[in-house]
C-alpha atoms as a PDB file:
ATOM      1  CA  MET A   1      85.686  92.659   7.870  1.00  0.00           C
ATOM      2  CA  GLY A   2      84.851  89.255   9.355  1.00  0.00           C
ATOM      3  CA  LYS A   3      88.508  88.301   9.808  1.00  0.00           C
ATOM      4  CA  LYS A   4      89.434  91.697  11.277  1.00  0.00           C
ATOM      5  CA  PHE A   5      86.519  91.565  13.671  1.00  0.00           C
ATOM      6  CA  LEU A   6      87.466  88.039  14.727  1.00  0.00           C
ATOM      7  CA  LEU A   7      91.082  89.075  15.312  1.00  0.00           C
ATOM      8  CA  PHE A   8      89.967  92.106  17.348  1.00  0.00           C
ATOM      9  CA  PHE A   9      87.579  89.936  19.352  1.00  0.00           C
ATOM     10  CA  MET A  10      90.332  87.397  20.115  1.00  0.00           C
ATOM     11  CA  ILE A  11      92.756  90.108  21.242  1.00  0.00           C
ATOM     12  CA  PHE A  12      90.098  91.770  23.416  1.00  0.00           C
ATOM     13  CA  SER A  13      89.128  88.432  24.955  1.00  0.00           C
ATOM     14  CA  PHE A  14      92.760  87.616  25.750  1.00  0.00           C
ATOM     15  CA  VAL A  15      93.359  90.993  27.411  1.00  0.00           C
ATOM     16  CA  PHE A  16      90.096  90.758  29.359  1.00  0.00           C
ATOM     17  CA  ALA A  17      90.832  87.213  30.534  1.00  0.00           C
ATOM     18  CA  SER A  18      94.366  88.182  31.535  1.00  0.00           C
ATOM     19  CA  SER A  19      93.040  91.010  33.661  1.00  0.00           C
ATOM     20  CA  LEU A  20      90.626  88.635  35.402  1.00  0.00           C
ATOM     21  CA  PHE A  21      93.312  86.164  36.375  1.00  0.00           C
ATOM     22  CA  ALA A  22      96.073  88.669  37.078  1.00  0.00           C
ATOM     23  CA  GLY A  23      94.728  89.272  40.593  1.00  0.00           C
ATOM     24  CA  PRO A  24      95.082  92.476  42.599  1.00  0.00           C
ATOM     25  CA  LYS A  25      97.856  94.861  41.679  1.00  0.00           C
ATOM     26  CA  LYS A  26     100.992  94.189  43.724  1.00  0.00           C
ATOM     27  CA  VAL A  27     102.125  96.980  46.028  1.00  0.00           C
ATOM     28  CA  THR A  28     105.398  97.394  47.922  1.00  0.00           C
ATOM     29  CA  LEU A  29     105.358  99.662  50.958  1.00  0.00           C
ATOM     30  CA  THR A  30     108.258 100.819  53.116  1.00  0.00           C
ATOM     31  CA  TRP A  31     107.847 100.936  56.902  1.00  0.00           C
ATOM     32  CA  THR A  32     110.287 103.165  58.779  1.00  0.00           C
ATOM     33  CA  ALA A  33     110.714 101.623  62.228  1.00  0.00           C
ATOM     34  CA  GLY A  34     113.325 102.164  64.950  1.00  0.00           C
ATOM     35  CA  GLY A  35     116.928 101.173  65.470  1.00  0.00           C
ATOM     36  CA  VAL A  36     118.029  97.659  64.555  1.00  0.00           C
ATOM     37  CA  GLY A  37     117.749  95.499  67.665  1.00  0.00           C
ATOM     38  CA  GLY A  38     114.913  97.554  69.121  1.00  0.00           C
ATOM     39  CA  GLY A  39     111.278  96.640  69.700  1.00  0.00           C
ATOM     40  CA  TRP A  40     109.934  98.834  66.884  1.00  0.00           C
ATOM     41  CA  TYR A  41     112.140  97.172  64.291  1.00  0.00           C
ATOM     42  CA  THR A  42     111.195  93.675  65.452  1.00  0.00           C
ATOM     43  CA  MET A  43     107.484  94.474  65.658  1.00  0.00           C
ATOM     44  CA  ALA A  44     107.357  96.111  62.242  1.00  0.00           C
ATOM     45  CA  GLY A  45     108.793  92.915  60.771  1.00  0.00           C
ATOM     46  CA  GLY A  46     106.103  90.884  62.500  1.00  0.00           C
ATOM     47  CA  PHE A  47     103.333  93.144  61.223  1.00  0.00           C
ATOM     48  CA  ALA A  48     104.804  93.031  57.714  1.00  0.00           C
ATOM     49  CA  GLU A  49     104.504  89.246  57.700  1.00  0.00           C
ATOM     50  CA  ILE A  50     100.908  89.336  58.965  1.00  0.00           C
ATOM     51  CA  ILE A  51      99.894  91.868  56.308  1.00  0.00           C
ATOM     52  CA  ASN A  52     101.544  89.913  53.493  1.00  0.00           C
ATOM     53  CA  ASN A  53      99.955  86.631  54.602  1.00  0.00           C
ATOM     54  CA  ALA A  54      96.524  88.260  54.687  1.00  0.00           C
ATOM     55  CA  TYR A  55      97.024  90.136  51.408  1.00  0.00           C
ATOM     56  CA  PRO A  56      99.793  88.575  49.263  1.00  0.00           C
ATOM     57  CA  GLU A  57      99.631  91.543  46.896  1.00  0.00           C
ATOM     58  CA  ILE A  58     100.978  93.826  49.653  1.00  0.00           C
ATOM     59  CA  THR A  59     104.662  93.571  50.514  1.00  0.00           C
ATOM     60  CA  VAL A  60     106.043  95.636  53.402  1.00  0.00           C
ATOM     61  CA  LYS A  61     109.762  96.370  53.596  1.00  0.00           C
ATOM     62  CA  VAL A  62     111.102  97.454  57.008  1.00  0.00           C
ATOM     63  CA  VAL A  63     113.929  99.987  57.326  1.00  0.00           C
ATOM     64  CA  PRO A  64     115.602 101.553  60.398  1.00  0.00           C
ATOM     65  CA  GLY A  65     114.246 104.898  61.527  1.00  0.00           C
ATOM     66  CA  GLY A  66     113.542 106.936  64.627  1.00  0.00           C
ATOM     67  CA  GLY A  67     110.767 108.657  66.500  1.00  0.00           C
ATOM     68  CA  THR A  68     111.406 112.177  65.228  1.00  0.00           C
ATOM     69  CA  VAL A  69     112.631 111.365  61.717  1.00  0.00           C
ATOM     70  CA  ASN A  70     109.800 108.933  60.878  1.00  0.00           C
ATOM     71  CA  PRO A  71     107.073 111.604  60.535  1.00  0.00           C
ATOM     72  CA  LYS A  72     109.225 113.515  58.038  1.00  0.00           C
ATOM     73  CA  LEU A  73     109.822 110.394  55.948  1.00  0.00           C
ATOM     74  CA  VAL A  74     106.107 109.579  55.856  1.00  0.00           C
ATOM     75  CA  GLU A  75     105.182 113.206  55.121  1.00  0.00           C
ATOM     76  CA  LYS A  76     107.575 113.357  52.154  1.00  0.00           C
ATOM     77  CA  GLY A  77     106.417 110.003  50.795  1.00  0.00           C
ATOM     78  CA  ASP A  78     109.813 108.366  51.220  1.00  0.00           C
ATOM     79  CA  CYS A  79     108.059 105.768  53.393  1.00  0.00           C
ATOM     80  CA  GLU A  80     104.386 104.847  53.306  1.00  0.00           C
ATOM     81  CA  LEU A  81     104.263 103.530  56.879  1.00  0.00           C
ATOM     82  CA  GLY A  82     106.059 104.492  60.057  1.00  0.00           C
ATOM     83  CA  TRP A  83     106.089 104.029  63.787  1.00  0.00           C
ATOM     84  CA  GLY A  84     105.348 107.150  65.784  1.00  0.00           C
ATOM     85  CA  LEU A  85     104.751 108.449  69.284  1.00  0.00           C
ATOM     86  CA  PRO A  86     101.748 110.611  70.251  1.00  0.00           C
ATOM     87  CA  PHE A  87     103.794 113.472  71.687  1.00  0.00           C
ATOM     88  CA  ILE A  88     106.131 113.604  68.686  1.00  0.00           C
ATOM     89  CA  LEU A  89     103.305 113.276  66.149  1.00  0.00           C
ATOM     90  CA  ASN A  90     101.315 116.041  67.795  1.00  0.00           C
ATOM     91  CA  ALA A  91     104.384 118.288  67.661  1.00  0.00           C
ATOM     92  CA  ALA A  92     104.769 117.392  63.979  1.00  0.00           C
ATOM     93  CA  ILE A  93     101.263 118.390  62.888  1.00  0.00           C
ATOM     94  CA  ASN A  94     101.492 121.604  64.915  1.00  0.00           C
ATOM     95  CA  GLY A  95     104.952 122.531  63.603  1.00  0.00           C
ATOM     96  CA  GLU A  96     106.505 122.538  67.064  1.00  0.00           C
ATOM     97  CA  ASP A  97     109.977 121.463  68.250  1.00  0.00           C
ATOM     98  CA  PRO A  98     111.712 119.658  66.568  1.00  0.00           C
ATOM     99  CA  TYR A  99     109.782 120.535  63.390  1.00  0.00           C
ATOM    100  CA  GLU A 100     110.137 123.839  61.568  1.00  0.00           C
ATOM    101  CA  LYS A 101     106.761 123.625  59.826  1.00  0.00           C
ATOM    102  CA  LYS A 102     103.507 121.714  60.133  1.00  0.00           C
ATOM    103  CA  LEU A 103     103.431 118.237  58.630  1.00  0.00           C
ATOM    104  CA  THR A 104      99.953 118.102  57.110  1.00  0.00           C
ATOM    105  CA  LYS A 105      99.826 114.645  55.522  1.00  0.00           C
ATOM    106  CA  LEU A 106     100.330 112.500  58.630  1.00  0.00           C
ATOM    107  CA  ARG A 107      97.510 110.104  59.498  1.00  0.00           C
ATOM    108  CA  ALA A 108      97.168 107.183  61.911  1.00  0.00           C
ATOM    109  CA  ILE A 109      96.274 103.558  61.283  1.00  0.00           C
ATOM    110  CA  ALA A 110      96.351 102.418  64.907  1.00  0.00           C
ATOM    111  CA  GLY A 111      97.385 103.891  68.242  1.00  0.00           C
ATOM    112  CA  GLY A 112      97.608 102.631  71.802  1.00  0.00           C
ATOM    113  CA  MET A 113     100.085  99.921  70.850  1.00  0.00           C
ATOM    114  CA  SER A 114     103.114  98.563  72.636  1.00  0.00           C
ATOM    115  CA  MET A 115     103.719 100.853  75.557  1.00  0.00           C
ATOM    116  CA  ASN A 116     107.332 102.015  75.477  1.00  0.00           C
ATOM    117  CA  TYR A 117     109.366 102.654  78.602  1.00  0.00           C
ATOM    118  CA  PHE A 118     112.318 104.960  79.108  1.00  0.00           C
ATOM    119  CA  HIS A 119     115.274 103.082  80.590  1.00  0.00           C
ATOM    120  CA  PHE A 120     118.133 104.893  82.247  1.00  0.00           C
ATOM    121  CA  TYR A 121     120.572 102.324  83.565  1.00  0.00           C
ATOM    122  CA  VAL A 122     124.070 102.454  84.997  1.00  0.00           C
ATOM    123  CA  GLY A 123     126.671  99.859  85.762  1.00  0.00           C
ATOM    124  CA  ALA A 124     125.876  98.181  89.088  1.00  0.00           C
ATOM    125  CA  ASP A 125     129.556  98.495  89.950  1.00  0.00           C
ATOM    126  CA  LEU A 126     129.210 102.289  89.966  1.00  0.00           C
ATOM    127  CA  PRO A 127     128.030 104.283  93.027  1.00  0.00           C
ATOM    128  CA  TYR A 128     125.171 106.160  91.345  1.00  0.00           C
ATOM    129  CA  LYS A 129     121.731 105.492  92.819  1.00  0.00           C
ATOM    130  CA  ASN A 130     119.522 108.175  91.262  1.00  0.00           C
ATOM    131  CA  MET A 131     119.320 110.631  88.366  1.00  0.00           C
ATOM    132  CA  ASP A 132     119.406 113.748  90.545  1.00  0.00           C
ATOM    133  CA  GLU A 133     122.805 112.708  91.841  1.00  0.00           C
ATOM    134  CA  ILE A 134     124.187 112.494  88.330  1.00  0.00           C
ATOM    135  CA  PHE A 135     122.646 115.535  86.683  1.00  0.00           C
ATOM    136  CA  ARG A 136     122.184 117.981  89.574  1.00  0.00           C
ATOM    137  CA  GLN A 137     125.513 117.276  91.220  1.00  0.00           C
ATOM    138  CA  LYS A 138     127.207 116.947  87.830  1.00  0.00           C
ATOM    139  CA  LYS A 139     128.767 113.540  88.530  1.00  0.00           C
ATOM    140  CA  ALA A 140     130.588 113.119  85.220  1.00  0.00           C
ATOM    141  CA  ILE A 141     129.886 109.845  83.442  1.00  0.00           C
ATOM    142  CA  ARG A 142     129.916 108.436  79.926  1.00  0.00           C
ATOM    143  CA  ILE A 143     126.378 108.060  78.562  1.00  0.00           C
ATOM    144  CA  ALA A 144     125.180 106.216  75.464  1.00  0.00           C
ATOM    145  CA  VAL A 145     122.133 107.774  73.800  1.00  0.00           C
ATOM    146  CA  SER A 146     120.349 107.114  70.527  1.00  0.00           C
ATOM    147  CA  PRO A 147     121.283 109.127  67.421  1.00  0.00           C
ATOM    148  CA  SER A 148     119.779 112.522  66.669  1.00  0.00           C
ATOM    149  CA  GLY A 149     116.401 112.199  64.990  1.00  0.00           C
ATOM    150  CA  THR A 150     115.119 109.587  67.432  1.00  0.00           C
ATOM    151  CA  SER A 151     112.423 110.086  70.040  1.00  0.00           C
ATOM    152  CA  ASP A 152     114.852 108.803  72.682  1.00  0.00           C
ATOM    153  CA  GLU A 153     117.288 111.622  72.025  1.00  0.00           C
ATOM    154  CA  TRP A 154     114.473 114.204  71.804  1.00  0.00           C
ATOM    155  CA  VAL A 155     113.280 113.248  75.282  1.00  0.00           C
ATOM    156  CA  PHE A 156     116.837 113.099  76.608  1.00  0.00           C
ATOM    157  CA  ARG A 157     117.209 116.767  75.673  1.00  0.00           C
ATOM    158  CA  LYS A 158     114.002 117.466  77.598  1.00  0.00           C
ATOM    159  CA  VAL A 159     115.535 115.661  80.590  1.00  0.00           C
ATOM    160  CA  LEU A 160     118.605 117.894  80.351  1.00  0.00           C
ATOM    161  CA  ALA A 161     116.336 120.943  80.106  1.00  0.00           C
ATOM    162  CA  TYR A 162     114.585 119.875  83.326  1.00  0.00           C
ATOM    163  CA  TYR A 163     117.966 119.784  85.050  1.00  0.00           C
ATOM    164  CA  LYS A 164     118.722 123.200  83.526  1.00  0.00           C
ATOM    165  CA  THR A 165     121.708 121.911  81.620  1.00  0.00           C
ATOM    166  CA  SER A 166     122.750 120.831  78.112  1.00  0.00           C
ATOM    167  CA  TYR A 167     125.192 118.628  76.228  1.00  0.00           C
ATOM    168  CA  LYS A 168     127.617 121.533  76.000  1.00  0.00           C
ATOM    169  CA  ALA A 169     127.458 122.359  79.709  1.00  0.00           C
ATOM    170  CA  LEU A 170     127.851 118.742  80.775  1.00  0.00           C
ATOM    171  CA  LYS A 171     130.788 118.173  78.437  1.00  0.00           C
ATOM    172  CA  LYS A 172     132.562 121.030  80.187  1.00  0.00           C
ATOM    173  CA  LYS A 173     132.042 119.094  83.414  1.00  0.00           C
ATOM    174  CA  GLY A 174     133.677 115.991  81.961  1.00  0.00           C
ATOM    175  CA  PHE A 175     130.635 114.125  80.649  1.00  0.00           C
ATOM    176  CA  LYS A 176     131.035 112.154  77.425  1.00  0.00           C
ATOM    177  CA  PHE A 177     128.223 111.145  75.089  1.00  0.00           C
ATOM    178  CA  PHE A 178     128.170 108.267  72.625  1.00  0.00           C
ATOM    179  CA  ARG A 179     125.552 107.901  69.881  1.00  0.00           C
ATOM    180  CA  ALA A 180     124.568 104.353  68.974  1.00  0.00           C
ATOM    181  CA  ASN A 181     121.589 102.220  68.006  1.00  0.00           C
ATOM    182  CA  TYR A 182     120.125  99.820  70.566  1.00  0.00           C
ATOM    183  CA  ALA A 183     122.467  96.955  69.749  1.00  0.00           C
ATOM    184  CA  GLY A 184     125.438  99.335  69.881  1.00  0.00           C
ATOM    185  CA  GLN A 185     124.323 100.710  73.242  1.00  0.00           C
ATOM    186  CA  ALA A 186     124.229  97.220  74.737  1.00  0.00           C
ATOM    187  CA  SER A 187     127.599  96.337  73.228  1.00  0.00           C
ATOM    188  CA  ASN A 188     129.276  99.521  74.474  1.00  0.00           C
ATOM    189  CA  PHE A 189     127.842  99.003  77.943  1.00  0.00           C
ATOM    190  CA  LYS A 190     129.027  95.388  78.169  1.00  0.00           C
ATOM    191  CA  ASP A 191     132.492  96.398  76.965  1.00  0.00           C
ATOM    192  CA  LYS A 192     132.586  99.185  79.597  1.00  0.00           C
ATOM    193  CA  ASN A 193     133.010 101.864  76.976  1.00  0.00           C
ATOM    194  CA  VAL A 194     130.121 103.713  78.659  1.00  0.00           C
ATOM    195  CA  ASP A 195     128.874 103.963  82.232  1.00  0.00           C
ATOM    196  CA  ALA A 196     125.186 104.468  81.489  1.00  0.00           C
ATOM    197  CA  VAL A 197     122.553 104.147  78.774  1.00  0.00           C
ATOM    198  CA  PHE A 198     119.425 106.231  78.111  1.00  0.00           C
ATOM    199  CA  THR A 199     117.033 104.370  75.847  1.00  0.00           C
ATOM    200  CA  PHE A 200     113.327 104.034  75.010  1.00  0.00           C
ATOM    201  CA  LEU A 201     111.951 100.557  74.359  1.00  0.00           C
ATOM    202  CA  ALA A 202     109.005  98.251  74.924  1.00  0.00           C
ATOM    203  CA  ILE A 203     109.501  95.798  77.766  1.00  0.00           C
ATOM    204  CA  PRO A 204     111.113  93.420  78.015  1.00  0.00           C
ATOM    205  CA  ALA A 205     113.631  95.128  75.754  1.00  0.00           C
ATOM    206  CA  SER A 206     115.983  92.641  74.111  1.00  0.00           C
ATOM    207  CA  ALA A 207     118.787  95.239  74.004  1.00  0.00           C
ATOM    208  CA  VAL A 208     118.531  95.816  77.774  1.00  0.00           C
ATOM    209  CA  THR A 209     118.352  92.079  78.438  1.00  0.00           C
ATOM    210  CA  GLU A 210     121.478  91.653  76.307  1.00  0.00           C
ATOM    211  CA  ALA A 211     123.273  94.411  78.215  1.00  0.00           C
ATOM    212  CA  SER A 212     122.382  92.828  81.562  1.00  0.00           C
ATOM    213  CA  THR A 213     123.775  89.433  80.572  1.00  0.00           C
ATOM    214  CA  GLY A 214     127.207  90.860  79.884  1.00  0.00           C
ATOM    215  CA  ARG A 215     127.487  93.270  82.813  1.00  0.00           C
ATOM    216  CA  ALA A 216     125.493  93.899  85.964  1.00  0.00           C
ATOM    217  CA  LEU A 217     123.301  96.979  85.624  1.00  0.00           C
ATOM    218  CA  ARG A 218     120.947  99.036  87.760  1.00  0.00           C
ATOM    219  CA  LEU A 219     117.830 100.747  86.418  1.00  0.00           C
ATOM    220  CA  LEU A 220     117.275 104.180  87.947  1.00  0.00           C
ATOM    221  CA  ASN A 221     113.883 105.612  88.879  1.00  0.00           C
ATOM    222  CA  PHE A 222     112.733 108.829  87.223  1.00  0.00           C
ATOM    223  CA  PRO A 223     112.198 111.416  89.999  1.00  0.00           C
ATOM    224  CA  LYS A 224     108.702 112.817  90.550  1.00  0.00           C
ATOM    225  CA  GLY A 225     109.675 116.331  89.471  1.00  0.00           C
ATOM    226  CA  LEU A 226     111.075 115.099  86.166  1.00  0.00           C
ATOM    227  CA  LEU A 227     107.956 113.018  85.468  1.00  0.00           C
ATOM    228  CA  GLU A 228     105.748 116.042  86.136  1.00  0.00           C
ATOM    229  CA  TYR A 229     107.909 118.116  83.788  1.00  0.00           C
ATOM    230  CA  LEU A 230     107.696 115.510  81.005  1.00  0.00           C
ATOM    231  CA  SER A 231     103.930 115.169  81.404  1.00  0.00           C
ATOM    232  CA  LYS A 232     103.395 118.556  79.721  1.00  0.00           C
ATOM    233  CA  TYR A 233     104.704 116.960  76.517  1.00  0.00           C
ATOM    234  CA  GLY A 234     102.141 114.153  76.726  1.00  0.00           C
ATOM    235  CA  ILE A 235     104.559 111.679  78.277  1.00  0.00           C
ATOM    236  CA  GLY A 236     103.032 109.492  80.964  1.00  0.00           C
ATOM    237  CA  THR A 237     104.258 107.725  84.082  1.00  0.00           C
ATOM    238  CA  GLY A 238     104.559 103.961  84.333  1.00  0.00           C
ATOM    239  CA  LYS A 239     106.317 101.196  86.176  1.00  0.00           C
ATOM    240  CA  ILE A 240     108.682  98.466  85.036  1.00  0.00           C
ATOM    241  CA  PRO A 241     107.563  95.402  87.023  1.00  0.00           C
ATOM    242  CA  PRO A 242     109.923  93.273  89.144  1.00  0.00           C
ATOM    243  CA  GLY A 243     111.436  90.388  87.218  1.00  0.00           C
ATOM    244  CA  THR A 244     111.342  92.146  83.841  1.00  0.00           C
ATOM    245  CA  TYR A 245     115.135  91.856  83.674  1.00  0.00           C
ATOM    246  CA  PRO A 246     116.078  88.917  85.942  1.00  0.00           C
ATOM    247  CA  LYS A 247     119.834  89.538  85.737  1.00  0.00           C
ATOM    248  CA  MET A 248     119.534  93.182  86.739  1.00  0.00           C
ATOM    249  CA  ALA A 249     121.027  94.170  90.119  1.00  0.00           C
ATOM    250  CA  ASN A 250     117.658  95.590  91.283  1.00  0.00           C
ATOM    251  CA  ALA A 251     115.588  92.964  89.445  1.00  0.00           C
ATOM    252  CA  ASN A 252     113.167  92.562  92.377  1.00  0.00           C
ATOM    253  CA  GLU A 253     112.295  96.264  92.561  1.00  0.00           C
ATOM    254  CA  VAL A 254     109.551  98.239  90.823  1.00  0.00           C
ATOM    255  CA  VAL A 255     111.157 100.988  88.710  1.00  0.00           C
ATOM    256  CA  THR A 256     109.130 104.161  88.098  1.00  0.00           C
ATOM    257  CA  THR A 257     109.749 105.731  84.718  1.00  0.00           C
ATOM    258  CA  ALA A 258     108.277 107.695  81.795  1.00  0.00           C
ATOM    259  CA  ILE A 259     106.152 105.931  79.154  1.00  0.00           C
ATOM    260  CA  ALA A 260     104.358 106.447  75.846  1.00  0.00           C
ATOM    261  CA  GLY A 261     102.454 104.150  73.472  1.00  0.00           C
ATOM    262  CA  SER A 262     103.250 103.502  69.822  1.00  0.00           C
ATOM    263  CA  VAL A 263     101.283 104.571  66.745  1.00  0.00           C
ATOM    264  CA  ILE A 264     101.295 103.091  63.237  1.00  0.00           C
ATOM    265  CA  THR A 265     101.251 106.067  60.892  1.00  0.00           C
ATOM    266  CA  THR A 266     100.775 106.574  57.192  1.00  0.00           C
ATOM    267  CA  SER A 267     100.187 109.396  54.718  1.00  0.00           C
ATOM    268  CA  ILE A 268      96.864 110.730  53.478  1.00  0.00           C
ATOM    269  CA  ASP A 269      98.303 110.043  49.998  1.00  0.00           C
ATOM    270  CA  VAL A 270      98.250 106.257  50.557  1.00  0.00           C
ATOM    271  CA  PRO A 271      95.041 104.910  48.943  1.00  0.00           C
ATOM    272  CA  GLU A 272      92.109 104.257  51.265  1.00  0.00           C
ATOM    273  CA  ASP A 273      91.731 100.656  50.114  1.00  0.00           C
ATOM    274  CA  ILE A 274      95.348  99.833  50.947  1.00  0.00           C
ATOM    275  CA  VAL A 275      95.096 101.339  54.442  1.00  0.00           C
ATOM    276  CA  TYR A 276      91.784  99.545  54.993  1.00  0.00           C
ATOM    277  CA  LYS A 277      93.407  96.208  54.140  1.00  0.00           C
ATOM    278  CA  ILE A 278      96.361  96.885  56.447  1.00  0.00           C
ATOM    279  CA  THR A 279      94.046  97.870  59.309  1.00  0.00           C
ATOM    280  CA  LYS A 280      91.911  94.790  58.748  1.00  0.00           C
ATOM    281  CA  ALA A 281      94.882  92.425  58.471  1.00  0.00           C
ATOM    282  CA  ILE A 282      96.262  93.648  61.805  1.00  0.00           C
ATOM    283  CA  HIS A 283      93.014  93.557  63.779  1.00  0.00           C
ATOM    284  CA  GLU A 284      91.674  90.295  62.421  1.00  0.00           C
ATOM    285  CA  ASN A 285      94.900  88.497  63.309  1.00  0.00           C
ATOM    286  CA  LEU A 286      95.306  89.684  66.901  1.00  0.00           C
ATOM    287  CA  ASP A 287      96.357  86.200  68.025  1.00  0.00           C
ATOM    288  CA  LYS A 288      99.416  86.582  65.786  1.00  0.00           C
ATOM    289  CA  VAL A 289      99.927  90.237  66.765  1.00  0.00           C
ATOM    290  CA  HIS A 290     100.082  89.286  70.440  1.00  0.00           C
ATOM    291  CA  ARG A 291     102.850  86.795  69.697  1.00  0.00           C
ATOM    292  CA  ILE A 292     105.095  89.341  67.946  1.00  0.00           C
ATOM    293  CA  HIS A 293     106.202  90.995  71.174  1.00  0.00           C
ATOM    294  CA  ALA A 294     105.220  90.773  74.835  1.00  0.00           C
ATOM    295  CA  SER A 295     104.291  94.476  74.856  1.00  0.00           C
ATOM    296  CA  LEU A 296     101.528  93.809  72.292  1.00  0.00           C
ATOM    297  CA  LYS A 297      99.678  91.190  74.364  1.00  0.00           C
ATOM    298  CA  PRO A 298      97.220  93.680  75.938  1.00  0.00           C
ATOM    299  CA  TYR A 299      96.322  95.302  72.596  1.00  0.00           C
ATOM    300  CA  LYS A 300      92.718  95.088  71.364  1.00  0.00           C
ATOM    301  CA  VAL A 301      90.749  96.623  68.486  1.00  0.00           C
ATOM    302  CA  SER A 302      89.257  99.424  70.607  1.00  0.00           C
ATOM    303  CA  ASP A 303      92.783 100.578  71.524  1.00  0.00           C
ATOM    304  CA  GLY A 304      93.494 101.416  67.887  1.00  0.00           C
ATOM    305  CA  VAL A 305      91.583 104.697  67.966  1.00  0.00           C
ATOM    306  CA  THR A 306      93.293 105.942  71.149  1.00  0.00           C
ATOM    307  CA  GLY A 307      96.506 107.890  71.701  1.00  0.00           C
ATOM    308  CA  THR A 308      97.203 108.562  68.037  1.00  0.00           C
ATOM    309  CA  GLY A 309      98.372 112.178  68.212  1.00  0.00           C
ATOM    310  CA  VAL A 310      97.155 112.699  64.601  1.00  0.00           C
ATOM    311  CA  PRO A 311      93.823 112.073  62.809  1.00  0.00           C
ATOM    312  CA  LEU A 312      92.970 108.581  61.623  1.00  0.00           C
ATOM    313  CA  HIS A 313      93.315 107.759  57.918  1.00  0.00           C
ATOM    314  CA  PRO A 314      89.939 107.322  56.136  1.00  0.00           C
ATOM    315  CA  GLY A 315      90.860 103.704  55.368  1.00  0.00           C
ATOM    316  CA  ALA A 316      91.345 103.010  59.074  1.00  0.00           C
ATOM    317  CA  VAL A 317      88.147 104.905  59.961  1.00  0.00           C
ATOM    318  CA  ARG A 318      86.244 102.685  57.531  1.00  0.00           C
ATOM    319  CA  TYR A 319      87.430  99.537  59.297  1.00  0.00           C
ATOM    320  CA  TYR A 320      86.813 100.838  62.829  1.00  0.00           C
ATOM    321  CA  LYS A 321      83.284 101.856  61.844  1.00  0.00           C
ATOM    322  CA  GLU A 322      82.645  98.361  60.470  1.00  0.00           C
ATOM    323  CA  LYS A 323      83.700  96.910  63.831  1.00  0.00           C
ATOM    324  CA  GLY A 324      81.574  99.383  65.788  1.00  0.00           C
ATOM    325  CA  VAL A 325      84.571 101.029  67.435  1.00  0.00           C
ATOM    326  CA  LEU A 326      83.668 104.338  65.774  1.00  0.00           C
ATOM    327  CA  LYS A 327      80.188 105.598  64.962  1.00  0.00           C
END
């Protein structure tokens, strides 16, 4: 009995000691972002590095995504994290266009991040000065838009609805539409394969800067009526300041456009402790967060509970309560 007991004790001690020194269980999470070359994709990579440095046991892998497809991926568990937009997320949990049923698992980690701006630009060598001229008077042009499943394309369809038209109707008038990610939009514009681009990015957007270095462009203002129409979907009004794109033909002008902030989303199925660590890593390294992208410089902890479009995850609530942001 003595030898058996000793052997059992040695095995138990080894297993117990191994568990002590093994450290926290390693976790790999997938973050669905935006198109390659866009602000969301770049920022997600920056956040992934911050999270991993703060908690080496958490690895975040970034994959391309889009504003309307991301909620579905998070809901199904294909991705544990995802960028979102308040107006799209609210539609998702209510089962409204473009969703056929309510997505019940969506939760937020942080909102009020990285204000995104809609850009509708045309070649400066073309005569078009405003959006009404193009869409009301049916001035046929070739337009690059993001692929289906993105928030950009969702809003573009709302723009067409405001002008009481559609892809089909405009194609009959000679319009042509090209689907491409942000890098592809810039490339097609520079190569004069398209006349205009409709895109949704944080400023300064690298894809727009790239487009402007290869071909002179002009950013068009969103008309007041269109902005009022979009506001019913929770889309705000903002201004792109002069000098944002120095090589732009109207670089010294203020451009009025539609805007919306970004939300880091997750699923209620992701453990509370993991979400707590992610929330903490982000907000206790704001100096690093601000350096990821210019659009993140104004962000502060109290912004995290604003403009989420969906309820906060319990892990995030726990952190915000610790910081006194929530009671």
